[in-house]
């Protein structure tokens, strides 16, 4: 069996290994450089940079959002890094023009995924409230909005609670509205719940914002639910929220993803190939 076939076999066989250690050290700023100037940043020769196919990260983000069930091509979508990584893995294995990038290191690919996912995000995807008695407000809960590292300045236009149970939730404080968030900056909304009966109530908190001087608005939404005398599960860690807008271009086909283990496979295969080369050199 030739060395190229052995290398390919090693790569495919290793796809199931994990890559969470690399994922923990993602660097969206480095990913931005790789996305926009792939050849110079890697010192490798390709037919073009990432922007040659995707034009810009907004187009790539919009396509990922659509292909993963977002319902629209949203250039401001709150995509998580794992989803972005899954789509990169899918493209590297199934799109002819992308297969040349299989030579990239695992860390480089996770940095690219981090850049694609680098949008404003909420600290929680949902908040649950349990009041001790009717007409007794709950302890307030905080919801933070954090801007991305590379996303550019974001202005928060409004923070509002809507939905059938909106009257039961109170926006106690809001440091987000009219706030201009620089890179990695945060703001906070504080919410409480009370009800005159023991029925369950739900609502949605919506943060509306725009990027830089753009007139296109996009949103982050957080589900709220509350009841009196009901033990609720703690809110999940790490929120993404929802978005609204459109536009984008397509460069990879098909839905679904390969799973997060793909990157570990590449890292494992890279190490294996280096070990084989070292033995030959020795």
Protein backbone atom coordinates (compact mmCIF):
# COMPACT_ATOMS: atom_id res chain seq x y z
CA UNK A 1 0.00 0.00 0.00
CA UNK A 2 1.44 3.43 -0.97
CA UNK A 3 2.35 6.05 1.64
CA UNK A 4 -0.38 8.38 0.36
CA UNK A 5 -3.03 5.67 0.80
CA UNK A 6 -1.66 4.86 4.25
CA UNK A 7 -1.86 8.53 5.18
CA UNK A 8 -5.41 8.77 3.91
CA UNK A 9 -6.39 5.62 5.78
CA UNK A 10 -4.87 6.97 8.98
CA UNK A 11 -6.80 10.20 8.58
CA UNK A 12 -10.13 8.49 8.03
CA UNK A 13 -9.58 5.99 10.83
CA UNK A 14 -8.81 8.74 13.31
CA UNK A 15 -11.93 10.83 12.74
CA UNK A 16 -13.62 9.46 15.85
CA UNK A 17 -10.99 10.74 18.31
CA UNK A 18 -11.67 13.81 20.45
CA UNK A 19 -10.55 17.41 19.96
CA UNK A 20 -11.93 19.24 23.00
CA UNK A 21 -8.48 20.18 24.29
CA UNK A 22 -7.74 22.14 21.12
CA UNK A 23 -11.25 23.61 21.19
CA UNK A 24 -10.64 25.07 24.65
CA UNK A 25 -7.85 27.29 23.28
CA UNK A 26 -9.64 28.66 20.22
CA UNK A 27 -8.41 32.05 19.04
CA UNK A 28 -10.90 33.93 16.83
CA UNK A 29 -8.37 36.69 16.11
CA UNK A 30 -5.95 34.13 14.67
CA UNK A 31 -8.86 32.52 12.86
CA UNK A 32 -9.69 35.85 11.23
CA UNK A 33 -6.16 36.12 9.85
CA UNK A 34 -6.33 32.56 8.54
CA UNK A 35 -9.72 33.13 6.93
CA UNK A 36 -8.74 36.35 5.17
CA UNK A 37 -5.11 35.55 4.28
CA UNK A 38 -4.87 31.77 4.39
CA UNK A 39 -1.76 31.27 2.26
CA UNK A 40 0.43 33.91 3.89
CA UNK A 41 -0.63 32.90 7.40
CA UNK A 42 0.11 29.23 6.81
CA UNK A 43 3.03 29.50 4.41
CA UNK A 44 1.28 26.91 2.26
CA UNK A 45 0.20 27.04 -1.36
CA UNK A 46 -3.51 26.79 -2.16
CA UNK A 47 -5.64 27.80 -5.11
CA UNK A 48 -6.92 30.68 -3.00
CA UNK A 49 -7.74 31.94 0.48
CA UNK A 50 -10.95 31.17 2.37
CA UNK A 51 -12.35 34.44 1.05
CA UNK A 52 -11.88 33.21 -2.52
CA UNK A 53 -14.94 30.99 -2.06
CA UNK A 54 -16.85 32.65 0.78
CA UNK A 55 -16.07 36.34 0.06
CA UNK A 56 -16.40 37.17 3.76
CA UNK A 57 -17.20 35.52 7.06
CA UNK A 58 -20.77 36.83 7.01
CA UNK A 59 -21.49 34.72 3.92
CA UNK A 60 -19.99 31.63 5.53
CA UNK A 61 -21.90 32.24 8.75
CA UNK A 62 -25.14 32.73 6.84
CA UNK A 63 -24.72 29.48 4.95
CA UNK A 64 -23.90 27.49 8.08
CA UNK A 65 -26.98 28.91 9.81
CA UNK A 66 -29.16 27.85 6.87
CA UNK A 67 -27.60 24.40 6.47
CA UNK A 68 -28.00 23.58 10.16
CA UNK A 69 -31.71 24.30 10.30
CA UNK A 70 -31.73 28.03 11.01
CA UNK A 71 -34.40 28.61 8.37
CA UNK A 72 -32.65 31.60 6.84
CA UNK A 73 -29.25 32.75 5.66
CA UNK A 74 -28.42 35.02 8.58
CA UNK A 75 -24.97 36.69 8.44
CA UNK A 76 -25.29 37.65 12.11
CA UNK A 77 -26.46 34.26 13.37
CA UNK A 78 -25.28 33.12 16.80
CA UNK A 79 -23.48 30.00 15.65
CA UNK A 80 -21.47 28.10 18.24
CA UNK A 81 -17.89 27.04 17.55
CA UNK A 82 -18.72 23.32 17.52
CA UNK A 83 -21.33 23.81 14.80
CA UNK A 84 -18.87 25.83 12.75
CA UNK A 85 -16.24 23.14 13.23
CA UNK A 86 -18.65 20.42 12.14
CA UNK A 87 -19.40 22.29 8.93
CA UNK A 88 -15.69 22.81 8.25
CA UNK A 89 -15.20 19.08 8.70
CA UNK A 90 -18.06 18.32 6.32
CA UNK A 91 -16.66 20.68 3.68
CA UNK A 92 -13.11 19.33 3.95
CA UNK A 93 -14.36 15.82 3.26
CA UNK A 94 -17.09 16.49 0.70
CA UNK A 95 -16.32 19.67 -1.25
CA UNK A 96 -13.63 19.28 -3.90
CA UNK A 97 -12.28 22.82 -3.58
CA UNK A 98 -11.99 22.42 0.19
CA UNK A 99 -10.07 19.13 0.27
CA UNK A 100 -6.77 20.96 -0.29
CA UNK A 101 -7.19 22.48 3.20
CA UNK A 102 -7.00 19.09 4.89
CA UNK A 103 -3.29 19.84 5.42
CA UNK A 104 -4.15 22.53 7.97
CA UNK A 105 -3.35 21.78 11.60
CA UNK A 106 -6.15 21.00 14.04
CA UNK A 107 -5.49 24.22 15.96
CA UNK A 108 -5.77 26.26 12.76
CA UNK A 109 -9.14 24.71 11.96
CA UNK A 110 -10.49 25.30 15.45
CA UNK A 111 -9.33 28.91 15.23
CA UNK A 112 -11.22 29.26 11.94
CA UNK A 113 -14.32 27.82 13.59
CA UNK A 114 -13.92 30.24 16.50
CA UNK A 115 -13.78 33.17 14.08
CA UNK A 116 -16.92 32.07 12.25
CA UNK A 117 -18.70 31.74 15.60
CA UNK A 118 -17.38 35.06 16.95
CA UNK A 119 -20.63 37.05 17.23
CA UNK A 120 -22.42 38.71 20.17
CA UNK A 121 -23.80 36.04 22.51
CA UNK A 122 -25.90 35.92 25.64
CA UNK A 123 -24.66 34.28 28.81
CA UNK A 124 -27.70 31.97 28.89
CA UNK A 125 -30.03 30.55 26.26
CA UNK A 126 -32.93 30.44 28.76
CA UNK A 127 -33.80 31.56 32.28
CA UNK A 128 -36.16 29.75 34.65
CA UNK A 129 -37.81 31.34 37.69
CA UNK A 130 -39.59 29.79 40.69
CA UNK A 131 -41.45 32.15 43.02
CA UNK A 132 -41.93 31.16 46.66
CA UNK A 133 -45.55 32.40 46.78
CA UNK A 134 -48.12 34.26 44.71
CA UNK A 135 -47.39 37.97 44.23
CA UNK A 136 -43.90 37.52 45.67
CA UNK A 137 -41.18 38.45 43.18
CA UNK A 138 -38.32 36.04 42.67
CA UNK A 139 -34.71 36.88 43.20
CA UNK A 140 -33.54 38.69 40.07
CA UNK A 141 -31.40 36.86 37.55
CA UNK A 142 -28.72 38.44 35.41
CA UNK A 143 -28.39 38.03 31.67
CA UNK A 144 -25.18 39.27 30.06
CA UNK A 145 -24.56 40.09 26.42
CA UNK A 146 -20.93 39.80 25.33
CA UNK A 147 -19.63 41.13 22.03
CA UNK A 148 -17.26 39.03 19.93
CA UNK A 149 -13.50 39.51 19.79
CA UNK A 150 -13.41 40.30 16.07
CA UNK A 151 -17.01 41.30 15.38
CA UNK A 152 -16.57 45.07 15.57
CA UNK A 153 -18.56 47.58 17.58
CA UNK A 154 -22.16 46.64 18.36
CA UNK A 155 -24.87 49.09 19.42
CA UNK A 156 -27.76 47.65 21.41
CA UNK A 157 -30.93 49.36 20.22
CA UNK A 158 -33.38 47.85 22.67
CA UNK A 159 -34.07 45.18 25.26
CA UNK A 160 -37.67 44.05 25.56
CA UNK A 161 -39.75 41.24 27.02
CA UNK A 162 -42.59 39.92 24.87
CA UNK A 163 -44.88 36.94 24.56
CA UNK A 164 -48.05 35.71 26.23
CA UNK A 165 -46.58 35.77 29.74
CA UNK A 166 -44.55 38.95 29.35
CA UNK A 167 -46.51 40.85 32.04
CA UNK A 168 -45.27 38.39 34.68
CA UNK A 169 -41.61 39.19 34.04
CA UNK A 170 -39.99 42.48 35.01
CA UNK A 171 -36.88 44.01 33.48
CA UNK A 172 -35.40 45.31 36.73
CA UNK A 173 -32.34 46.93 35.20
CA UNK A 174 -30.83 47.31 31.76
CA UNK A 175 -27.28 48.48 31.03
CA UNK A 176 -27.50 47.34 27.41
CA UNK A 177 -29.95 49.67 25.64
CA UNK A 178 -28.10 52.44 23.75
CA UNK A 179 -24.79 50.88 24.80
CA UNK A 180 -21.98 50.66 22.26
CA UNK A 181 -20.07 47.46 22.91
CA UNK A 182 -16.44 47.30 21.81
CA UNK A 183 -14.63 44.00 21.25
CA UNK A 184 -15.32 41.54 24.10
CA UNK A 185 -17.31 44.16 26.02
CA UNK A 186 -20.41 43.16 27.99
CA UNK A 187 -23.66 44.65 29.21
CA UNK A 188 -26.33 43.26 31.53
CA UNK A 189 -30.08 42.95 31.84
CA UNK A 190 -31.64 41.86 35.14
CA UNK A 191 -35.01 40.09 35.23
CA UNK A 192 -37.43 38.92 37.92
CA UNK A 193 -40.75 37.05 37.92
CA UNK A 194 -43.96 37.15 39.94
CA UNK A 195 -47.50 35.86 39.43
CA UNK A 196 -50.90 36.07 41.08
CA UNK A 197 -51.57 32.36 40.59
CA UNK A 198 -49.71 29.06 40.27
CA UNK A 199 -49.98 28.76 36.49
CA UNK A 200 -46.81 28.51 34.44
CA UNK A 201 -45.83 31.47 32.28
CA UNK A 202 -43.38 31.93 29.43
CA UNK A 203 -42.02 34.90 27.55
CA UNK A 204 -39.07 35.93 25.41
CA UNK A 205 -36.45 38.54 26.11
CA UNK A 206 -35.20 40.09 22.87
CA UNK A 207 -32.06 42.17 22.47
CA UNK A 208 -32.03 44.11 19.20
CA UNK A 209 -28.74 45.50 17.93
CA UNK A 210 -26.73 46.54 14.89
CA UNK A 211 -23.08 46.27 13.88
CA UNK A 212 -21.05 49.43 13.35
CA UNK A 213 -22.77 51.87 10.97
CA UNK A 214 -24.96 49.16 9.44
CA UNK A 215 -28.70 49.79 9.34
CA UNK A 216 -29.43 46.05 9.45
CA UNK A 217 -30.82 44.99 12.79
CA UNK A 218 -30.30 41.56 14.29
CA UNK A 219 -31.40 40.00 17.55
CA UNK A 220 -30.49 37.69 20.37
CA UNK A 221 -33.42 36.01 22.10
CA UNK A 222 -33.61 34.28 25.47
CA UNK A 223 -36.53 32.11 26.60
CA UNK A 224 -38.06 32.95 29.97
CA UNK A 225 -40.31 30.69 32.02
CA UNK A 226 -41.63 30.96 35.53
CA UNK A 227 -44.17 29.62 38.01
CA UNK A 228 -45.04 29.83 41.70
CA UNK A 229 -43.93 27.01 43.98
CA UNK A 230 -42.32 24.92 41.26
CA UNK A 231 -38.79 23.61 41.47
CA UNK A 232 -37.08 24.47 38.19
CA UNK A 233 -33.84 23.23 36.73
CA UNK A 234 -30.97 25.71 36.65
CA UNK A 235 -30.62 27.66 33.39
CA UNK A 236 -28.19 26.10 30.91
CA UNK A 237 -24.71 27.51 30.66
CA UNK A 238 -23.72 29.39 27.56
CA UNK A 239 -26.37 31.07 25.46
CA UNK A 240 -26.39 31.89 21.81
CA UNK A 241 -29.75 33.49 21.16
CA UNK A 242 -31.45 33.88 17.82
CA UNK A 243 -30.95 36.20 14.89
CA UNK A 244 -32.72 37.88 12.03
CA UNK A 245 -31.45 39.10 8.66
CA UNK A 246 -30.36 37.44 5.45
CA UNK A 247 -27.91 37.04 2.61
CA UNK A 248 -25.07 34.64 1.89
CA UNK A 249 -23.36 32.43 -0.62
CA UNK A 250 -23.05 28.68 -0.79
CA UNK A 251 -19.84 26.70 -1.04
CA UNK A 252 -20.66 23.41 0.65
CA UNK A 253 -23.57 21.12 -0.04
CA UNK A 254 -25.79 18.92 2.08
CA UNK A 255 -27.06 19.09 5.63
CA UNK A 256 -25.81 17.56 8.83
CA UNK A 257 -22.28 17.41 10.18
CA UNK A 258 -19.51 14.97 10.93
CA UNK A 259 -19.33 15.64 14.66
CA UNK A 260 -16.70 17.26 16.82
CA UNK A 261 -14.36 14.30 16.71
CA UNK A 262 -13.28 15.18 13.17
CA UNK A 263 -10.66 17.65 14.36
CA UNK A 264 -9.10 15.21 16.76
CA UNK A 265 -8.80 12.83 13.85
CA UNK A 266 -6.86 15.35 11.85
CA UNK A 267 -4.58 16.11 14.79
CA UNK A 268 -3.99 12.41 15.42
CA UNK A 269 -3.29 11.72 11.76
CA UNK A 270 -0.90 14.68 11.57
CA UNK A 271 1.06 13.39 14.56
CA UNK A 272 1.09 9.90 13.06
CA UNK A 273 2.43 11.13 9.74
CA UNK A 274 5.15 13.15 11.48
CA UNK A 275 6.15 10.09 13.46
CA UNK A 276 6.34 8.02 10.25
CA UNK A 277 8.45 10.69 8.58
CA UNK A 278 10.77 10.77 11.57
CA UNK A 279 11.29 7.02 11.33
CA UNK A 280 12.09 7.25 7.64
CA UNK A 281 14.54 10.10 8.27
CA UNK A 282 16.15 8.08 11.06
